[in-house]
């Protein structure tokens, strides 16, 4: 297990280096000049020159990259060009909000996707199977922003059951925090639950065709025991892969959902940074997101080994 973790961590290092180079290079291609915006309406040449020197924008791109990556290795992601706050502080403020939303959405996706996938596979060709597939296709086809607006209109405006927007930290009011998260989490979880249902169904169908499942049925084991104890455990390995990737999609999908529900999270932070040409924030947020994807894939590899004894022996 330790060798696996060390090997994956060593592979992640060059991946992060390449990603950091792409992040730094591509954001330089964004139109506009943040220094001109910071300089104000007068755009005094001396002020512009001082700002470029302060943020190392007067140096060649390789030097700028070297300075930035050196600061990153020391835990410094830079300073926001718009607010002057450290990027690490902004991320520390916004990331927990998005993680809360993503975890809530993941719970909803698992609660929808895995049970429906199991029912669909266990009842292949029956009404339950067709109904589950219709729900899955509907979930994947409906855009997040449209579903969010529809829920706001029905649940908040017409029925007045939940707040239409905003965010309340759990430490401030746990029940209100739950109420503000229900709709955006459902919007995220519904689409990903539909994808998870399709993957679960496919994995379960593959396992249910194997010889040892037929043997278990021939021994007279209960249908539920065969499906849940024998088939599901072996089908979990590809499902774990999907879950790791889906959690990354949740973080990415939260960008639009946070805009619709006015949630001050990670997604809103990067959208505002892109529009304001705040290069330091864009670089920091995307780098943290890329590192998160790598960690999720590492966790998926570890879960493979825990779920499959043959991999532990290998």
Protein backbone atom coordinates (compact mmCIF):
# COMPACT_ATOMS: atom_id res chain seq x y z
CA UNK A 1 0.00 0.00 0.00
CA UNK A 2 2.77 2.42 0.95
CA UNK A 3 4.63 1.69 -2.29
CA UNK A 4 1.47 2.45 -4.25
CA UNK A 5 0.97 5.80 -2.51
CA UNK A 6 4.65 6.77 -2.97
CA UNK A 7 4.60 5.75 -6.65
CA UNK A 8 1.43 7.74 -7.36
CA UNK A 9 2.81 10.75 -5.48
CA UNK A 10 6.00 10.67 -7.57
CA UNK A 11 3.93 10.51 -10.77
CA UNK A 12 1.88 13.49 -9.54
CA UNK A 13 4.94 15.77 -9.28
CA UNK A 14 5.66 16.11 -13.04
CA UNK A 15 1.91 16.29 -13.66
CA UNK A 16 1.60 19.29 -11.35
CA UNK A 17 4.63 20.95 -12.96
CA UNK A 18 3.10 20.60 -16.44
CA UNK A 19 -0.28 21.81 -15.17
CA UNK A 20 1.31 24.83 -13.46
CA UNK A 21 3.08 25.78 -16.71
CA UNK A 22 -0.18 25.51 -18.64
CA UNK A 23 -2.04 27.56 -16.03
CA UNK A 24 0.58 30.30 -16.05
CA UNK A 25 0.90 30.38 -19.85
CA UNK A 26 -2.79 30.25 -20.74
CA UNK A 27 -3.89 32.92 -18.29
CA UNK A 28 -1.39 35.31 -19.90
CA UNK A 29 -3.44 34.93 -23.10
CA UNK A 30 -6.51 36.47 -21.45
CA UNK A 31 -7.43 39.81 -23.07
CA UNK A 32 -6.97 43.02 -21.13
CA UNK A 33 -4.34 44.39 -18.78
CA UNK A 34 -5.05 44.26 -15.04
CA UNK A 35 -2.44 46.93 -14.34
CA UNK A 36 -4.29 49.48 -16.48
CA UNK A 37 -7.48 48.73 -14.56
CA UNK A 38 -5.68 49.11 -11.23
CA UNK A 39 -4.07 52.38 -12.28
CA UNK A 40 -7.43 54.15 -12.42
CA UNK A 41 -8.81 56.56 -14.98
CA UNK A 42 -5.73 58.81 -15.10
CA UNK A 43 -3.39 55.88 -15.88
CA UNK A 44 -0.30 57.74 -14.74
CA UNK A 45 2.77 56.15 -16.42
CA UNK A 46 4.71 56.23 -13.14
CA UNK A 47 1.89 54.44 -11.30
CA UNK A 48 1.65 51.85 -14.07
CA UNK A 49 5.40 51.24 -13.98
CA UNK A 50 5.35 50.93 -10.18
CA UNK A 51 2.52 48.41 -10.32
CA UNK A 52 4.26 46.34 -12.97
CA UNK A 53 7.40 46.27 -10.88
CA UNK A 54 5.49 45.40 -7.70
CA UNK A 55 3.81 42.38 -9.27
CA UNK A 56 6.86 41.40 -11.40
CA UNK A 57 4.89 42.02 -14.60
CA UNK A 58 7.81 43.98 -16.07
CA UNK A 59 9.98 40.84 -16.20
CA UNK A 60 10.10 38.17 -18.95
CA UNK A 61 7.56 35.37 -18.74
CA UNK A 62 10.08 32.65 -17.71
CA UNK A 63 11.25 34.86 -14.84
CA UNK A 64 7.67 35.57 -13.80
CA UNK A 65 6.93 31.84 -13.80
CA UNK A 66 10.06 31.03 -11.79
CA UNK A 67 9.18 33.67 -9.19
CA UNK A 68 5.59 32.45 -8.97
CA UNK A 69 6.45 28.75 -8.65
CA UNK A 70 9.10 29.60 -6.05
CA UNK A 71 6.46 31.36 -3.96
CA UNK A 72 4.05 28.43 -4.45
CA UNK A 73 6.63 25.98 -3.08
CA UNK A 74 6.80 28.17 0.04
CA UNK A 75 3.00 28.12 0.42
CA UNK A 76 2.50 31.58 -1.05
CA UNK A 77 0.04 31.70 -3.97
CA UNK A 78 0.48 35.43 -4.45
CA UNK A 79 -1.67 38.48 -3.75
CA UNK A 80 -4.93 39.46 -5.38
CA UNK A 81 -4.41 42.30 -7.86
CA UNK A 82 -7.87 43.68 -7.08
CA UNK A 83 -8.21 43.44 -3.30
CA UNK A 84 -4.60 43.08 -2.13
CA UNK A 85 -5.52 40.04 -0.02
CA UNK A 86 -3.35 36.90 -0.08
CA UNK A 87 -4.73 34.29 -2.47
CA UNK A 88 -4.34 31.60 0.20
CA UNK A 89 -6.65 33.61 2.48
CA UNK A 90 -9.29 33.95 -0.24
CA UNK A 91 -9.12 30.22 -1.01
CA UNK A 92 -9.31 29.34 2.69
CA UNK A 93 -12.47 31.46 2.95
CA UNK A 94 -14.23 30.18 -0.19
CA UNK A 95 -13.12 26.55 -0.53
CA UNK A 96 -15.00 25.23 2.56
CA UNK A 97 -18.24 26.63 1.13
CA UNK A 98 -17.80 24.78 -2.15
CA UNK A 99 -16.64 21.61 -0.39
CA UNK A 100 -19.78 21.68 1.75
CA UNK A 101 -21.92 22.09 -1.36
CA UNK A 102 -20.00 19.36 -3.23
CA UNK A 103 -20.19 16.88 -0.35
CA UNK A 104 -23.92 17.49 0.01
CA UNK A 105 -24.35 17.06 -3.75
CA UNK A 106 -22.26 13.86 -3.69
CA UNK A 107 -24.48 12.38 -0.98
CA UNK A 108 -27.54 13.14 -3.10
CA UNK A 109 -25.86 11.71 -6.22
CA UNK A 110 -24.95 8.48 -4.39
CA UNK A 111 -28.42 8.25 -2.86
CA UNK A 112 -29.99 8.57 -6.32
CA UNK A 113 -27.49 6.85 -8.60
CA UNK A 114 -26.38 3.66 -6.86
CA UNK A 115 -29.81 2.37 -5.70
CA UNK A 116 -31.35 3.13 -9.12
CA UNK A 117 -28.41 1.48 -10.89
CA UNK A 118 -28.73 -1.67 -8.76
CA UNK A 119 -32.52 -1.84 -9.27
CA UNK A 120 -32.14 -1.27 -13.00
CA UNK A 121 -29.50 -4.00 -13.42
CA UNK A 122 -31.34 -6.49 -11.21
CA UNK A 123 -34.56 -5.94 -13.22
CA UNK A 124 -33.11 -5.67 -16.70
CA UNK A 125 -35.75 -5.36 -19.41
CA UNK A 126 -38.56 -4.72 -16.93
CA UNK A 127 -40.57 -1.59 -16.16
CA UNK A 128 -38.22 -0.63 -13.31
CA UNK A 129 -35.27 -0.72 -15.71
CA UNK A 130 -36.99 1.46 -18.29
CA UNK A 131 -38.16 3.92 -15.64
CA UNK A 132 -34.67 4.25 -14.14
CA UNK A 133 -33.16 4.83 -17.58
CA UNK A 134 -35.73 7.53 -18.36
CA UNK A 135 -34.90 9.30 -15.08
CA UNK A 136 -31.17 9.02 -15.80
CA UNK A 137 -31.49 10.42 -19.32
CA UNK A 138 -33.68 13.25 -18.01
CA UNK A 139 -31.14 14.09 -15.31
CA UNK A 140 -28.28 14.22 -17.81
CA UNK A 141 -30.28 16.26 -20.35
CA UNK A 142 -31.62 19.03 -18.12
CA UNK A 143 -29.12 21.93 -17.80
CA UNK A 144 -28.10 22.80 -14.24
CA UNK A 145 -28.93 26.50 -14.58
CA UNK A 146 -32.44 25.76 -15.91
CA UNK A 147 -33.17 23.28 -13.13
CA UNK A 148 -31.85 25.76 -10.57
CA UNK A 149 -34.06 28.59 -11.86
CA UNK A 150 -37.07 26.25 -11.98
CA UNK A 151 -36.51 25.15 -8.38
CA UNK A 152 -36.16 28.76 -7.24
CA UNK A 153 -39.45 29.66 -8.94
CA UNK A 154 -41.39 26.69 -7.59
CA UNK A 155 -39.86 25.94 -4.19
CA UNK A 156 -38.89 29.46 -3.10
CA UNK A 157 -41.20 31.90 -4.92
CA UNK A 158 -44.43 29.92 -5.28
CA UNK A 159 -44.32 27.47 -2.35
CA UNK A 160 -41.99 29.54 -0.12
CA UNK A 161 -40.41 26.44 1.41
CA UNK A 162 -36.70 27.25 1.10
CA UNK A 163 -34.53 30.38 0.67
CA UNK A 164 -34.00 31.28 -2.97
CA UNK A 165 -30.32 32.21 -2.59
CA UNK A 166 -27.52 33.04 -0.20
CA UNK A 167 -25.39 31.06 2.21
CA UNK A 168 -25.28 30.66 5.99
CA UNK A 169 -22.22 28.99 7.58
CA UNK A 170 -23.01 25.85 9.66
CA UNK A 171 -21.33 27.38 12.69
CA UNK A 172 -23.69 30.34 12.56
CA UNK A 173 -27.01 28.50 12.07
CA UNK A 174 -26.89 24.79 11.24
CA UNK A 175 -30.55 24.45 10.22
CA UNK A 176 -30.49 27.57 8.04
CA UNK A 177 -27.25 26.39 6.46
CA UNK A 178 -28.95 23.10 5.59
CA UNK A 179 -31.93 24.92 4.07
CA UNK A 180 -29.75 27.15 1.89
CA UNK A 181 -27.82 24.10 0.62
CA UNK A 182 -30.72 21.79 -0.25
CA UNK A 183 -31.65 23.21 -3.66
CA UNK A 184 -28.14 23.88 -5.04
CA UNK A 185 -26.96 20.48 -3.79
CA UNK A 186 -29.92 18.79 -5.48
CA UNK A 187 -29.15 20.62 -8.73
CA UNK A 188 -25.57 19.32 -8.60
CA UNK A 189 -26.44 15.86 -7.35
CA UNK A 190 -29.29 15.16 -9.78
CA UNK A 191 -27.14 15.38 -12.92
CA UNK A 192 -24.24 13.44 -11.42
CA UNK A 193 -26.60 10.91 -9.86
CA UNK A 194 -27.92 10.20 -13.36
CA UNK A 195 -24.38 9.54 -14.61
CA UNK A 196 -23.63 7.39 -11.56
CA UNK A 197 -26.80 5.37 -12.17
CA UNK A 198 -25.69 4.53 -15.72
CA UNK A 199 -22.21 3.51 -14.59
CA UNK A 200 -23.58 1.45 -11.69
CA UNK A 201 -26.03 -0.31 -13.99
CA UNK A 202 -23.29 -1.12 -16.50
CA UNK A 203 -20.92 -2.42 -13.81
CA UNK A 204 -23.64 -4.51 -12.16
CA UNK A 205 -24.75 -6.04 -15.46
CA UNK A 206 -21.18 -7.11 -16.18
CA UNK A 207 -20.84 -8.77 -12.77
CA UNK A 208 -24.27 -10.41 -12.86
CA UNK A 209 -23.27 -12.31 -16.02
CA UNK A 210 -20.23 -13.97 -14.39
CA UNK A 211 -20.00 -17.66 -13.49
CA UNK A 212 -19.69 -17.21 -9.75
CA UNK A 213 -22.97 -15.24 -9.66
CA UNK A 214 -24.70 -18.05 -11.55
CA UNK A 215 -23.19 -20.52 -9.05
CA UNK A 216 -24.46 -18.47 -6.12
CA UNK A 217 -27.93 -18.47 -7.61
CA UNK A 218 -27.74 -22.22 -8.27
CA UNK A 219 -26.94 -22.77 -4.57
CA UNK A 220 -30.28 -21.22 -3.73
CA UNK A 221 -29.04 -17.98 -2.17
CA UNK A 222 -31.60 -15.23 -1.80
CA UNK A 223 -31.73 -12.78 -4.71
CA UNK A 224 -30.94 -9.82 -2.47
CA UNK A 225 -27.90 -11.60 -1.04
CA UNK A 226 -26.57 -12.39 -4.51
CA UNK A 227 -27.07 -8.84 -5.78
CA UNK A 228 -25.93 -6.86 -2.73
CA UNK A 229 -23.30 -9.09 -1.13
CA UNK A 230 -21.68 -10.81 -4.11
CA UNK A 231 -22.36 -8.63 -7.17
CA UNK A 232 -22.26 -5.11 -5.71
CA UNK A 233 -18.91 -5.57 -3.92
CA UNK A 234 -17.18 -6.55 -7.16
CA UNK A 235 -18.97 -3.86 -9.14
CA UNK A 236 -17.77 -1.19 -6.72
CA UNK A 237 -14.27 -0.96 -8.25
CA UNK A 238 -15.32 0.88 -11.45
CA UNK A 239 -17.92 2.81 -9.44
CA UNK A 240 -15.18 4.12 -7.14
CA UNK A 241 -13.34 5.47 -10.19
CA UNK A 242 -16.48 7.24 -11.33
CA UNK A 243 -17.09 8.68 -7.86
CA UNK A 244 -13.59 10.17 -7.72
CA UNK A 245 -14.07 11.81 -11.10
CA UNK A 246 -17.63 12.88 -10.32
CA UNK A 247 -16.49 14.67 -7.18
CA UNK A 248 -14.11 16.66 -9.36
CA UNK A 249 -17.04 17.42 -11.68
CA UNK A 250 -19.02 18.57 -8.66
CA UNK A 251 -16.35 21.14 -7.86
CA UNK A 252 -16.30 22.28 -11.50
CA UNK A 253 -20.10 22.26 -11.82
CA UNK A 254 -20.41 24.33 -8.68
CA UNK A 255 -19.21 27.37 -10.67
CA UNK A 256 -22.54 27.80 -12.46
CA UNK A 257 -24.66 26.61 -9.55
CA UNK A 258 -23.04 29.10 -7.18
CA UNK A 259 -23.79 31.88 -9.64
CA UNK A 260 -27.47 30.90 -9.87
CA UNK A 261 -27.96 30.62 -6.10
CA UNK A 262 -25.54 33.46 -5.15
CA UNK A 263 -23.33 31.25 -3.02
CA UNK A 264 -19.95 32.87 -2.18
CA UNK A 265 -17.84 29.82 -2.90
CA UNK A 266 -14.87 28.66 -4.94
CA UNK A 267 -16.73 28.89 -8.24
CA UNK A 268 -17.85 32.46 -7.75
CA UNK A 269 -14.31 33.37 -6.72
CA UNK A 270 -12.77 32.16 -9.97
CA UNK A 271 -15.53 33.68 -12.14
CA UNK A 272 -15.02 37.08 -10.52
CA UNK A 273 -11.24 36.70 -10.85
CA UNK A 274 -11.47 35.94 -14.58
CA UNK A 275 -13.73 38.92 -15.25
CA UNK A 276 -11.48 41.21 -13.18
CA UNK A 277 -8.26 39.91 -14.82
CA UNK A 278 -7.01 38.95 -11.37
CA UNK A 279 -4.23 36.65 -12.59
CA UNK A 280 -2.91 35.65 -9.16
CA UNK A 281 -6.32 34.42 -7.99
CA UNK A 282 -6.97 32.54 -11.25
CA UNK A 283 -3.59 30.81 -11.04
CA UNK A 284 -4.03 29.89 -7.39
CA UNK A 285 -7.57 28.58 -7.74
CA UNK A 286 -6.86 26.48 -10.82
CA UNK A 287 -3.66 25.07 -9.29
CA UNK A 288 -5.50 24.06 -6.11
CA UNK A 289 -8.26 22.48 -8.24
CA UNK A 290 -5.71 20.50 -10.27
CA UNK A 291 -4.02 19.30 -7.08
CA UNK A 292 -7.44 18.26 -5.78
CA UNK A 293 -8.07 16.13 -8.88
CA UNK A 294 -4.71 14.40 -8.40
CA UNK A 295 -5.47 13.69 -4.73
CA UNK A 296 -8.89 12.27 -5.67
CA UNK A 297 -7.30 9.92 -8.19
CA UNK A 298 -4.77 8.83 -5.57
CA UNK A 299 -7.61 8.08 -3.14
CA UNK A 300 -9.38 6.09 -5.87
CA UNK A 301 -6.24 3.96 -6.39
CA UNK A 302 -6.02 3.29 -2.65
CA UNK A 303 -9.69 2.30 -2.53
CA UNK A 304 -9.09 -0.15 -5.41
CA UNK A 305 -6.60 -1.99 -3.27
CA UNK A 306 -8.85 -1.98 -0.22
CA UNK A 307 -11.83 -3.30 -2.21
CA UNK A 308 -9.95 -5.93 -4.23
CA UNK A 309 -7.86 -8.45 -2.26
CA UNK A 310 -6.12 -9.61 -5.46
CA UNK A 311 -4.62 -6.16 -5.89
CA UNK A 312 -3.33 -6.25 -2.30
CA UNK A 313 -1.51 -9.50 -3.00
CA UNK A 314 -0.07 -8.08 -6.23
